Amino acid sequence: MSAIAKDAPSLAPRPAGGVTQSVKDSLVVAKRNLIRMTRIPEMILFGVIQPVMFVVLFTYVFGGSIAIPGAGVSKAAYTEFLMAGIFAQTVTFATAGAGAGIADDMHKGLIDRFRSLPMARGAVLTGRTLADLVQTAITLAVLAIVALIVGWRTHENIGKVLAGFALLLLLGYAFTWIGALIGLSVRTPEAATSGGLIWLFPLTFISNAFVPVNGMPKFLQYVAEWNPFSATVQAARELFGNTIAGVPKSVTGAWPMEHPVWASLIWSVLIIVVFRTLAVRKYRSASA
């Protein structure tokens, strides 16, 4: 009897290992979340409506009132200055949705069921963030069409324009990992939504997204120019050809503003590495 018990295989699932298995598990979870999105189309619809409203309101309400150095009060100039900021705001606000989705899965006990399966430890979160990235890309594509309708234009080749959108999506993907950590750290989806938005407003508005930073108080200029959000906005503007001669790259000499493309890449990768590590660690111990 003891020999049989010793040789019998364990019925408890063992976590799968290896990079290949981790990628497969992540894609399975991503597919599950994408199918769920198609069955709840209002998730995508409401995600598109909000940034479209921002584009229309900022363009037609503020566009004729805000003076851009070197261009004066001009709706066309403000639209080109604005759009990189609106694009960046849109991809970062996806953080709240990512956090709420994970918190909802936690609340329903789905995360606990996933943890009982022989899956790679980070696959559930990676799959979720990949699905959110697809939704963000769809939203960004619709937003770009609306921006073209209201007068936004690019002035660089297609390669640079696509690189600009790639940097925006990378920033959005990085921020969904912050949302994942928030979603695992709170008790309800409502708390995850609030926790995912409350810090995004100062992050996006104390930046170069909507107005030039040279009109801010000196200490806020430093904050804005070292803001990872500002680096991606400036990088997108340069890659889209939307920079304005009268608006300097930097008023404080900040390195991220002088080298925005590299700064955007570094900030995004750093955020992914740090917050993915924290989120996966939290996932191991979190309970519904």
C-alpha atoms as a PDB file:
ATOM      1  CA  MET A   1       0.000   0.000   0.000  1.00  0.00           C
ATOM      2  CA  SER A   2       2.779   2.414   0.905  1.00  0.00           C
ATOM      3  CA  ALA A   3       4.535   1.665  -2.395  1.00  0.00           C
ATOM      4  CA  ILE A   4       1.338   2.355  -4.347  1.00  0.00           C
ATOM      5  CA  ALA A   5       0.768   5.603  -2.458  1.00  0.00           C
ATOM      6  CA  LYS A   6       4.343   6.619  -3.098  1.00  0.00           C
ATOM      7  CA  ASP A   7       4.131   5.972  -6.840  1.00  0.00           C
ATOM      8  CA  ALA A   8       0.654   7.470  -7.368  1.00  0.00           C
ATOM      9  CA  PRO A   9       0.722  10.794  -9.212  1.00  0.00           C
ATOM     10  CA  SER A  10      -0.321  13.865  -7.280  1.00  0.00           C
ATOM     11  CA  LEU A  11      -3.829  15.107  -8.095  1.00  0.00           C
ATOM     12  CA  ALA A  12      -2.963  18.700  -7.230  1.00  0.00           C
ATOM     13  CA  PRO A  13      -2.275  20.872 -10.290  1.00  0.00           C
ATOM     14  CA  ARG A  14       1.276  21.966 -10.802  1.00  0.00           C
ATOM     15  CA  PRO A  15       2.087  25.407 -12.136  1.00  0.00           C
ATOM     16  CA  ALA A  16       3.285  25.296 -15.717  1.00  0.00           C
ATOM     17  CA  GLY A  17       6.700  26.726 -16.334  1.00  0.00           C
ATOM     18  CA  GLY A  18       8.754  28.054 -19.186  1.00  0.00           C
ATOM     19  CA  VAL A  19       8.437  31.115 -21.357  1.00  0.00           C
ATOM     20  CA  THR A  20       6.512  29.275 -24.095  1.00  0.00           C
ATOM     21  CA  GLN A  21       3.895  27.995 -21.667  1.00  0.00           C
ATOM     22  CA  SER A  22       3.608  31.424 -20.077  1.00  0.00           C
ATOM     23  CA  VAL A  23       2.963  33.024 -23.477  1.00  0.00           C
ATOM     24  CA  LYS A  24       0.336  30.382 -24.326  1.00  0.00           C
ATOM     25  CA  ASP A  25      -1.454  30.853 -21.003  1.00  0.00           C
ATOM     26  CA  SER A  26      -1.376  34.636 -21.388  1.00  0.00           C
ATOM     27  CA  LEU A  27      -2.875  34.435 -24.888  1.00  0.00           C
ATOM     28  CA  VAL A  28      -5.647  32.120 -23.652  1.00  0.00           C
ATOM     29  CA  VAL A  29      -6.581  34.589 -20.921  1.00  0.00           C
ATOM     30  CA  ALA A  30      -6.359  37.493 -23.385  1.00  0.00           C
ATOM     31  CA  LYS A  31      -8.708  35.652 -25.751  1.00  0.00           C
ATOM     32  CA  ARG A  32     -11.150  35.081 -22.894  1.00  0.00           C
ATOM     33  CA  ASN A  33     -11.213  38.800 -22.095  1.00  0.00           C
ATOM     34  CA  LEU A  34     -11.540  39.823 -25.756  1.00  0.00           C
ATOM     35  CA  ILE A  35     -14.507  37.482 -26.209  1.00  0.00           C
ATOM     36  CA  ARG A  36     -16.064  39.024 -23.104  1.00  0.00           C
ATOM     37  CA  MET A  37     -15.598  42.500 -24.611  1.00  0.00           C
ATOM     38  CA  THR A  38     -17.410  41.489 -27.800  1.00  0.00           C
ATOM     39  CA  ARG A  39     -20.336  40.227 -25.724  1.00  0.00           C
ATOM     40  CA  ILE A  40     -20.511  43.524 -23.826  1.00  0.00           C
ATOM     41  CA  PRO A  41     -20.063  46.088 -26.647  1.00  0.00           C
ATOM     42  CA  GLU A  42     -20.956  49.011 -24.379  1.00  0.00           C
ATOM     43  CA  MET A  43     -17.542  48.550 -22.742  1.00  0.00           C
ATOM     44  CA  ILE A  44     -15.886  49.637 -25.997  1.00  0.00           C
ATOM     45  CA  LEU A  45     -18.597  52.179 -26.864  1.00  0.00           C
ATOM     46  CA  PHE A  46     -18.345  54.103 -23.600  1.00  0.00           C
ATOM     47  CA  GLY A  47     -14.561  53.870 -23.757  1.00  0.00           C
ATOM     48  CA  VAL A  48     -14.665  55.650 -27.134  1.00  0.00           C
ATOM     49  CA  ILE A  49     -17.279  58.297 -26.294  1.00  0.00           C
ATOM     50  CA  GLN A  50     -15.336  59.945 -23.461  1.00  0.00           C
ATOM     51  CA  PRO A  51     -12.122  60.761 -25.410  1.00  0.00           C
ATOM     52  CA  VAL A  52     -14.196  61.897 -28.412  1.00  0.00           C
ATOM     53  CA  MET A  53     -15.972  64.348 -26.108  1.00  0.00           C
ATOM     54  CA  PHE A  54     -12.594  65.619 -24.889  1.00  0.00           C
ATOM     55  CA  VAL A  55     -11.457  66.206 -28.475  1.00  0.00           C
ATOM     56  CA  VAL A  56     -14.597  68.127 -29.429  1.00  0.00           C
ATOM     57  CA  LEU A  57     -14.771  70.159 -26.213  1.00  0.00           C
ATOM     58  CA  PHE A  58     -11.101  71.118 -26.118  1.00  0.00           C
ATOM     59  CA  THR A  59     -11.024  71.937 -29.823  1.00  0.00           C
ATOM     60  CA  TYR A  60     -14.162  74.063 -30.045  1.00  0.00           C
ATOM     61  CA  VAL A  61     -14.413  75.435 -26.486  1.00  0.00           C
ATOM     62  CA  PHE A  62     -10.752  76.118 -25.643  1.00  0.00           C
ATOM     63  CA  GLY A  63      -9.232  76.165 -29.125  1.00  0.00           C
ATOM     64  CA  GLY A  64     -10.280  79.727 -29.837  1.00  0.00           C
ATOM     65  CA  SER A  65      -9.229  81.042 -26.416  1.00  0.00           C
ATOM     66  CA  ILE A  66      -5.808  79.591 -25.603  1.00  0.00           C
ATOM     67  CA  ALA A  67      -2.789  81.353 -27.100  1.00  0.00           C
ATOM     68  CA  ILE A  68       0.111  79.193 -28.262  1.00  0.00           C
ATOM     69  CA  PRO A  69       3.507  80.990 -28.274  1.00  0.00           C
ATOM     70  CA  GLY A  70       4.471  81.658 -31.861  1.00  0.00           C
ATOM     71  CA  ALA A  71       0.980  80.917 -33.169  1.00  0.00           C
ATOM     72  CA  GLY A  72      -1.257  83.205 -31.116  1.00  0.00           C
ATOM     73  CA  VAL A  73      -4.907  82.347 -30.549  1.00  0.00           C
ATOM     74  CA  SER A  74      -5.547  79.857 -33.332  1.00  0.00           C
ATOM     75  CA  LYS A  75      -7.897  76.867 -33.271  1.00  0.00           C
ATOM     76  CA  ALA A  76      -5.857  75.062 -35.932  1.00  0.00           C
ATOM     77  CA  ALA A  77      -2.569  75.552 -34.041  1.00  0.00           C
ATOM     78  CA  TYR A  78      -4.126  74.522 -30.739  1.00  0.00           C
ATOM     79  CA  THR A  79      -5.659  71.399 -32.304  1.00  0.00           C
ATOM     80  CA  GLU A  80      -2.244  70.216 -33.514  1.00  0.00           C
ATOM     81  CA  PHE A  81      -0.687  71.071 -30.152  1.00  0.00           C
ATOM     82  CA  LEU A  82      -3.519  69.367 -28.261  1.00  0.00           C
ATOM     83  CA  MET A  83      -3.976  66.035 -30.007  1.00  0.00           C
ATOM     84  CA  ALA A  84      -0.851  64.282 -28.717  1.00  0.00           C
ATOM     85  CA  GLY A  85      -2.012  65.176 -25.204  1.00  0.00           C
ATOM     86  CA  ILE A  86      -5.534  63.858 -25.802  1.00  0.00           C
ATOM     87  CA  PHE A  87      -4.142  60.632 -27.270  1.00  0.00           C
ATOM     88  CA  ALA A  88      -1.873  60.162 -24.245  1.00  0.00           C
ATOM     89  CA  GLN A  89      -4.683  60.948 -21.814  1.00  0.00           C
ATOM     90  CA  THR A  90      -6.898  58.381 -23.520  1.00  0.00           C
ATOM     91  CA  VAL A  91      -4.387  55.531 -23.252  1.00  0.00           C
ATOM     92  CA  THR A  92      -3.558  56.315 -19.616  1.00  0.00           C
ATOM     93  CA  PHE A  93      -7.200  56.548 -18.551  1.00  0.00           C
ATOM     94  CA  ALA A  94      -7.515  52.891 -19.588  1.00  0.00           C
ATOM     95  CA  THR A  95      -5.806  52.259 -16.233  1.00  0.00           C
ATOM     96  CA  ALA A  96      -9.112  52.679 -14.405  1.00  0.00           C
ATOM     97  CA  GLY A  97     -10.844  50.099 -16.614  1.00  0.00           C
ATOM     98  CA  ALA A  98      -8.044  47.595 -16.141  1.00  0.00           C
ATOM     99  CA  GLY A  99      -8.151  47.978 -12.373  1.00  0.00           C
ATOM    100  CA  ALA A 100     -11.948  47.718 -12.225  1.00  0.00           C
ATOM    101  CA  GLY A 101     -11.936  44.575 -14.393  1.00  0.00           C
ATOM    102  CA  ILE A 102      -9.408  42.791 -12.216  1.00  0.00           C
ATOM    103  CA  ALA A 103     -11.162  43.907  -9.034  1.00  0.00           C
ATOM    104  CA  ASP A 104     -14.430  42.519 -10.462  1.00  0.00           C
ATOM    105  CA  ASP A 105     -12.748  39.176 -11.183  1.00  0.00           C
ATOM    106  CA  MET A 106     -11.404  39.163  -7.639  1.00  0.00           C
ATOM    107  CA  HIS A 107     -14.810  40.010  -6.180  1.00  0.00           C
ATOM    108  CA  LYS A 108     -16.457  37.125  -8.097  1.00  0.00           C
ATOM    109  CA  GLY A 109     -13.763  34.651  -7.049  1.00  0.00           C
ATOM    110  CA  LEU A 110     -12.533  34.151 -10.602  1.00  0.00           C
ATOM    111  CA  ILE A 111      -8.922  34.973  -9.676  1.00  0.00           C
ATOM    112  CA  ASP A 112      -8.990  32.263  -6.993  1.00  0.00           C
ATOM    113  CA  ARG A 113     -10.198  29.739  -9.577  1.00  0.00           C
ATOM    114  CA  PHE A 114      -7.445  30.764 -11.978  1.00  0.00           C
ATOM    115  CA  ARG A 115      -4.858  30.319  -9.234  1.00  0.00           C
ATOM    116  CA  SER A 116      -6.040  26.742  -8.685  1.00  0.00           C
ATOM    117  CA  LEU A 117      -5.149  25.854 -12.283  1.00  0.00           C
ATOM    118  CA  PRO A 118      -1.687  24.794 -13.527  1.00  0.00           C
ATOM    119  CA  MET A 119      -0.979  28.150 -15.174  1.00  0.00           C
ATOM    120  CA  ALA A 120       2.019  30.438 -15.280  1.00  0.00           C
ATOM    121  CA  ARG A 121       1.833  32.801 -12.330  1.00  0.00           C
ATOM    122  CA  GLY A 122       1.737  36.011 -14.332  1.00  0.00           C
ATOM    123  CA  ALA A 123      -0.429  34.741 -17.197  1.00  0.00           C
ATOM    124  CA  VAL A 124      -3.766  35.930 -15.787  1.00  0.00           C
ATOM    125  CA  LEU A 125      -2.565  39.504 -15.374  1.00  0.00           C
ATOM    126  CA  THR A 126      -0.576  39.531 -18.624  1.00  0.00           C
ATOM    127  CA  GLY A 127      -3.577  38.233 -20.563  1.00  0.00           C
ATOM    128  CA  ARG A 128      -5.815  40.851 -19.002  1.00  0.00           C
ATOM    129  CA  THR A 129      -3.435  43.707 -19.804  1.00  0.00           C
ATOM    130  CA  LEU A 130      -2.986  42.478 -23.400  1.00  0.00           C
ATOM    131  CA  ALA A 131      -6.759  42.462 -23.890  1.00  0.00           C
ATOM    132  CA  ASP A 132      -6.941  45.987 -22.478  1.00  0.00           C
ATOM    133  CA  LEU A 133      -4.188  47.005 -24.912  1.00  0.00           C
ATOM    134  CA  VAL A 134      -6.291  45.782 -27.852  1.00  0.00           C
ATOM    135  CA  GLN A 135      -9.281  47.780 -26.596  1.00  0.00           C
ATOM    136  CA  THR A 136      -7.077  50.854 -26.169  1.00  0.00           C
ATOM    137  CA  ALA A 137      -5.741  50.474 -29.715  1.00  0.00           C
ATOM    138  CA  ILE A 138      -9.303  50.387 -31.083  1.00  0.00           C
ATOM    139  CA  THR A 139     -10.200  53.493 -29.094  1.00  0.00           C
ATOM    140  CA  LEU A 140      -7.067  55.268 -30.299  1.00  0.00           C
ATOM    141  CA  ALA A 141      -7.843  54.450 -33.943  1.00  0.00           C
ATOM    142  CA  VAL A 142     -11.371  55.874 -33.643  1.00  0.00           C
ATOM    143  CA  LEU A 143     -10.020  58.928 -31.851  1.00  0.00           C
ATOM    144  CA  ALA A 144      -7.475  59.561 -34.618  1.00  0.00           C
ATOM    145  CA  ILE A 145     -10.282  59.558 -37.191  1.00  0.00           C
ATOM    146  CA  VAL A 146     -12.271  62.073 -35.128  1.00  0.00           C
ATOM    147  CA  ALA A 147      -9.142  64.212 -34.753  1.00  0.00           C
ATOM    148  CA  LEU A 148      -8.699  64.287 -38.533  1.00  0.00           C
ATOM    149  CA  ILE A 149     -12.315  65.387 -38.896  1.00  0.00           C
ATOM    150  CA  VAL A 150     -11.839  68.361 -36.526  1.00  0.00           C
ATOM    151  CA  GLY A 151      -8.693  69.497 -38.336  1.00  0.00           C
ATOM    152  CA  TRP A 152      -5.717  67.629 -36.895  1.00  0.00           C
ATOM    153  CA  ARG A 153      -2.961  66.815 -39.387  1.00  0.00           C
ATOM    154  CA  THR A 154       0.437  65.110 -39.237  1.00  0.00           C
ATOM    155  CA  HIS A 155       3.494  66.459 -41.043  1.00  0.00           C
ATOM    156  CA  GLU A 156       5.894  63.510 -40.945  1.00  0.00           C
ATOM    157  CA  ASN A 157       6.184  60.250 -42.883  1.00  0.00           C
ATOM    158  CA  ILE A 158       3.993  57.278 -42.057  1.00  0.00           C
ATOM    159  CA  GLY A 159       6.821  55.473 -40.249  1.00  0.00           C
ATOM    160  CA  LYS A 160       7.250  58.267 -37.707  1.00  0.00           C
ATOM    161  CA  VAL A 161       3.506  58.639 -37.259  1.00  0.00           C
ATOM    162  CA  LEU A 162       3.145  54.917 -36.516  1.00  0.00           C
ATOM    163  CA  ALA A 163       6.104  55.139 -34.137  1.00  0.00           C
ATOM    164  CA  GLY A 164       4.295  57.934 -32.296  1.00  0.00           C
ATOM    165  CA  PHE A 165       1.192  55.800 -31.873  1.00  0.00           C
ATOM    166  CA  ALA A 166       3.376  52.854 -30.782  1.00  0.00           C
ATOM    167  CA  LEU A 167       4.885  54.967 -27.992  1.00  0.00           C
ATOM    168  CA  LEU A 168       1.406  56.020 -26.895  1.00  0.00           C
ATOM    169  CA  LEU A 169       0.232  52.406 -26.749  1.00  0.00           C
ATOM    170  CA  LEU A 170       3.370  51.386 -24.856  1.00  0.00           C
ATOM    171  CA  LEU A 171       2.632  54.056 -22.248  1.00  0.00           C
ATOM    172  CA  GLY A 172      -0.963  52.845 -22.039  1.00  0.00           C
ATOM    173  CA  TYR A 173       0.206  49.258 -21.582  1.00  0.00           C
ATOM    174  CA  ALA A 174       2.608  50.349 -18.854  1.00  0.00           C
ATOM    175  CA  PHE A 175      -0.160  52.141 -16.987  1.00  0.00           C
ATOM    176  CA  THR A 176      -2.499  49.131 -17.158  1.00  0.00           C
ATOM    177  CA  TRP A 177      -0.010  47.359 -14.889  1.00  0.00           C
ATOM    178  CA  ILE A 178      -0.532  50.143 -12.355  1.00  0.00           C
ATOM    179  CA  GLY A 179      -4.257  49.511 -12.763  1.00  0.00           C
ATOM    180  CA  ALA A 180      -3.708  45.787 -12.248  1.00  0.00           C
ATOM    181  CA  LEU A 181      -1.931  46.427  -8.952  1.00  0.00           C
ATOM    182  CA  ILE A 182      -4.717  48.761  -7.821  1.00  0.00           C
ATOM    183  CA  GLY A 183      -7.366  46.212  -8.804  1.00  0.00           C
ATOM    184  CA  LEU A 184      -5.669  43.522  -6.739  1.00  0.00           C
ATOM    185  CA  SER A 185      -5.282  45.855  -3.747  1.00  0.00           C
ATOM    186  CA  VAL A 186      -8.894  47.025  -3.272  1.00  0.00           C
ATOM    187  CA  ARG A 187     -12.091  45.210  -2.355  1.00  0.00           C
ATOM    188  CA  THR A 188     -14.581  46.406  -4.979  1.00  0.00           C
ATOM    189  CA  PRO A 189     -14.601  47.442  -8.665  1.00  0.00           C
ATOM    190  CA  GLU A 190     -15.961  50.851  -7.621  1.00  0.00           C
ATOM    191  CA  ALA A 191     -12.942  51.449  -5.408  1.00  0.00           C
ATOM    192  CA  ALA A 192     -10.646  50.334  -8.233  1.00  0.00           C
ATOM    193  CA  THR A 193     -12.244  52.846 -10.623  1.00  0.00           C
ATOM    194  CA  SER A 194     -11.863  55.688  -8.117  1.00  0.00           C
ATOM    195  CA  GLY A 195      -8.335  54.627  -7.206  1.00  0.00           C
ATOM    196  CA  GLY A 196      -7.416  54.367 -10.874  1.00  0.00           C
ATOM    197  CA  LEU A 197      -8.595  57.886 -11.716  1.00  0.00           C
ATOM    198  CA  ILE A 198      -7.805  60.038  -8.706  1.00  0.00           C
ATOM    199  CA  TRP A 199      -4.049  60.181  -9.359  1.00  0.00           C
ATOM    200  CA  LEU A 200      -4.387  60.388 -13.148  1.00  0.00           C
ATOM    201  CA  PHE A 201      -5.890  63.873 -13.156  1.00  0.00           C
ATOM    202  CA  PRO A 202      -2.868  65.626 -11.594  1.00  0.00           C
ATOM    203  CA  LEU A 203      -0.535  63.441 -13.663  1.00  0.00           C
ATOM    204  CA  THR A 204      -2.169  64.464 -16.943  1.00  0.00           C
ATOM    205  CA  PHE A 205      -2.880  68.107 -16.157  1.00  0.00           C
ATOM    206  CA  ILE A 206       0.490  68.930 -14.562  1.00  0.00           C
ATOM    207  CA  SER A 207       2.119  68.238 -17.891  1.00  0.00           C
ATOM    208  CA  ASN A 208       2.660  69.688 -21.347  1.00  0.00           C
ATOM    209  CA  ALA A 209      -0.462  67.983 -22.708  1.00  0.00           C
ATOM    210  CA  PHE A 210      -2.944  70.838 -22.810  1.00  0.00           C
ATOM    211  CA  VAL A 211      -0.935  74.039 -22.326  1.00  0.00           C
ATOM    212  CA  PRO A 212       2.766  74.959 -22.672  1.00  0.00           C
ATOM    213  CA  VAL A 213       4.581  74.572 -19.352  1.00  0.00           C
ATOM    214  CA  ASN A 214       6.235  78.015 -19.539  1.00  0.00           C
ATOM    215  CA  GLY A 215       3.064  79.551 -18.087  1.00  0.00           C
ATOM    216  CA  MET A 216       3.223  77.384 -14.954  1.00  0.00           C
ATOM    217  CA  PRO A 217       4.880  78.324 -11.646  1.00  0.00           C
ATOM    218  CA  LYS A 218       8.567  77.396 -11.620  1.00  0.00           C
ATOM    219  CA  PHE A 219       8.283  74.379  -9.323  1.00  0.00           C
ATOM    220  CA  LEU A 220       5.454  72.944 -11.444  1.00  0.00           C
ATOM    221  CA  GLN A 221       7.581  73.362 -14.562  1.00  0.00           C
ATOM    222  CA  TYR A 222      10.109  70.914 -13.111  1.00  0.00           C
ATOM    223  CA  VAL A 223       7.343  68.487 -12.127  1.00  0.00           C
ATOM    224  CA  ALA A 224       5.737  68.703 -15.566  1.00  0.00           C
ATOM    225  CA  GLU A 225       8.957  68.219 -17.517  1.00  0.00           C
ATOM    226  CA  TRP A 226      10.039  65.170 -15.506  1.00  0.00           C
ATOM    227  CA  ASN A 227       6.555  63.678 -15.743  1.00  0.00           C
ATOM    228  CA  PRO A 228       6.640  60.421 -17.785  1.00  0.00           C
ATOM    229  CA  PHE A 229       3.325  61.452 -19.306  1.00  0.00           C
ATOM    230  CA  SER A 230       4.918  64.672 -20.645  1.00  0.00           C
ATOM    231  CA  ALA A 231       7.781  62.740 -22.230  1.00  0.00           C
ATOM    232  CA  THR A 232       5.398  60.608 -24.275  1.00  0.00           C
ATOM    233  CA  VAL A 233       3.314  63.636 -25.272  1.00  0.00           C
ATOM    234  CA  GLN A 234       6.408  65.492 -26.468  1.00  0.00           C
ATOM    235  CA  ALA A 235       7.706  62.413 -28.294  1.00  0.00           C
ATOM    236  CA  ALA A 236       4.365  61.968 -30.078  1.00  0.00           C
ATOM    237  CA  ARG A 237       4.294  65.646 -31.068  1.00  0.00           C
ATOM    238  CA  GLU A 238       7.742  65.393 -32.610  1.00  0.00           C
ATOM    239  CA  LEU A 239       6.952  62.153 -34.431  1.00  0.00           C
ATOM    240  CA  PHE A 240       3.654  63.576 -35.710  1.00  0.00           C
ATOM    241  CA  GLY A 241       5.338  66.824 -36.787  1.00  0.00           C
ATOM    242  CA  ASN A 242       3.056  68.829 -34.485  1.00  0.00           C
ATOM    243  CA  THR A 243       5.716  70.864 -32.691  1.00  0.00           C
ATOM    244  CA  ILE A 244       5.317  74.656 -32.811  1.00  0.00           C
ATOM    245  CA  ALA A 245       8.338  76.913 -33.254  1.00  0.00           C
ATOM    246  CA  GLY A 246       7.287  79.280 -30.455  1.00  0.00           C
ATOM    247  CA  VAL A 247       6.959  76.492 -27.883  1.00  0.00           C
ATOM    248  CA  PRO A 248      10.387  75.416 -26.576  1.00  0.00           C
ATOM    249  CA  LYS A 249      11.132  71.771 -25.896  1.00  0.00           C
ATOM    250  CA  SER A 250      12.058  72.563 -22.318  1.00  0.00           C
ATOM    251  CA  VAL A 251      12.096  75.643 -20.107  1.00  0.00           C
ATOM    252  CA  THR A 252      14.093  73.972 -17.311  1.00  0.00           C
ATOM    253  CA  GLY A 253      16.592  72.029 -19.434  1.00  0.00           C
ATOM    254  CA  ALA A 254      15.078  68.690 -18.337  1.00  0.00           C
ATOM    255  CA  TRP A 255      16.660  65.692 -20.100  1.00  0.00           C
ATOM    256  CA  PRO A 256      13.307  63.981 -20.846  1.00  0.00           C
ATOM    257  CA  MET A 257      12.136  67.000 -22.821  1.00  0.00           C
ATOM    258  CA  GLU A 258      15.399  67.264 -24.754  1.00  0.00           C
ATOM    259  CA  HIS A 259      15.298  63.535 -25.659  1.00  0.00           C
ATOM    260  CA  PRO A 260      11.575  62.712 -25.456  1.00  0.00           C
ATOM    261  CA  VAL A 261      11.553  59.530 -27.568  1.00  0.00           C
ATOM    262  CA  TRP A 262      14.238  57.840 -25.474  1.00  0.00           C
ATOM    263  CA  ALA A 263      12.720  59.212 -22.272  1.00  0.00           C
ATOM    264  CA  SER A 264       9.294  57.855 -23.226  1.00  0.00           C
ATOM    265  CA  LEU A 265      10.737  54.392 -23.919  1.00  0.00           C
ATOM    266  CA  ILE A 266      12.725  54.348 -20.683  1.00  0.00           C
ATOM    267  CA  TRP A 267       9.816  55.551 -18.537  1.00  0.00           C
ATOM    268  CA  SER A 268       7.361  53.042 -20.054  1.00  0.00           C
ATOM    269  CA  VAL A 269       9.698  50.045 -19.759  1.00  0.00           C
ATOM    270  CA  LEU A 270      10.608  51.019 -16.190  1.00  0.00           C
ATOM    271  CA  ILE A 271       6.937  51.290 -15.202  1.00  0.00           C
ATOM    272  CA  ILE A 272       6.187  47.890 -16.768  1.00  0.00           C
ATOM    273  CA  VAL A 273       9.093  46.167 -14.997  1.00  0.00           C
ATOM    274  CA  VAL A 274       8.340  47.684 -11.576  1.00  0.00           C
ATOM    275  CA  PHE A 275       4.553  47.393 -11.539  1.00  0.00           C
ATOM    276  CA  ARG A 276       4.381  43.999 -13.243  1.00  0.00           C
ATOM    277  CA  THR A 277       6.685  42.644 -10.556  1.00  0.00           C
ATOM    278  CA  LEU A 278       4.561  44.190  -7.794  1.00  0.00           C
ATOM    279  CA  ALA A 279       1.282  43.074  -9.388  1.00  0.00           C
ATOM    280  CA  VAL A 280       2.382  39.447  -9.863  1.00  0.00           C
ATOM    281  CA  ARG A 281       3.637  39.362  -6.269  1.00  0.00           C
ATOM    282  CA  LYS A 282       0.305  40.759  -5.073  1.00  0.00           C
ATOM    283  CA  TYR A 283      -1.565  38.251  -7.231  1.00  0.00           C
ATOM    284  CA  ARG A 284       0.057  35.348  -5.410  1.00  0.00           C
ATOM    285  CA  SER A 285      -1.291  36.473  -2.036  1.00  0.00           C
ATOM    286  CA  ALA A 286      -4.465  38.417  -2.858  1.00  0.00           C
ATOM    287  CA  SER A 287      -7.781  36.881  -1.844  1.00  0.00           C
ATOM    288  CA  ALA A 288     -11.349  37.717  -2.770  1.00  0.00           C
END
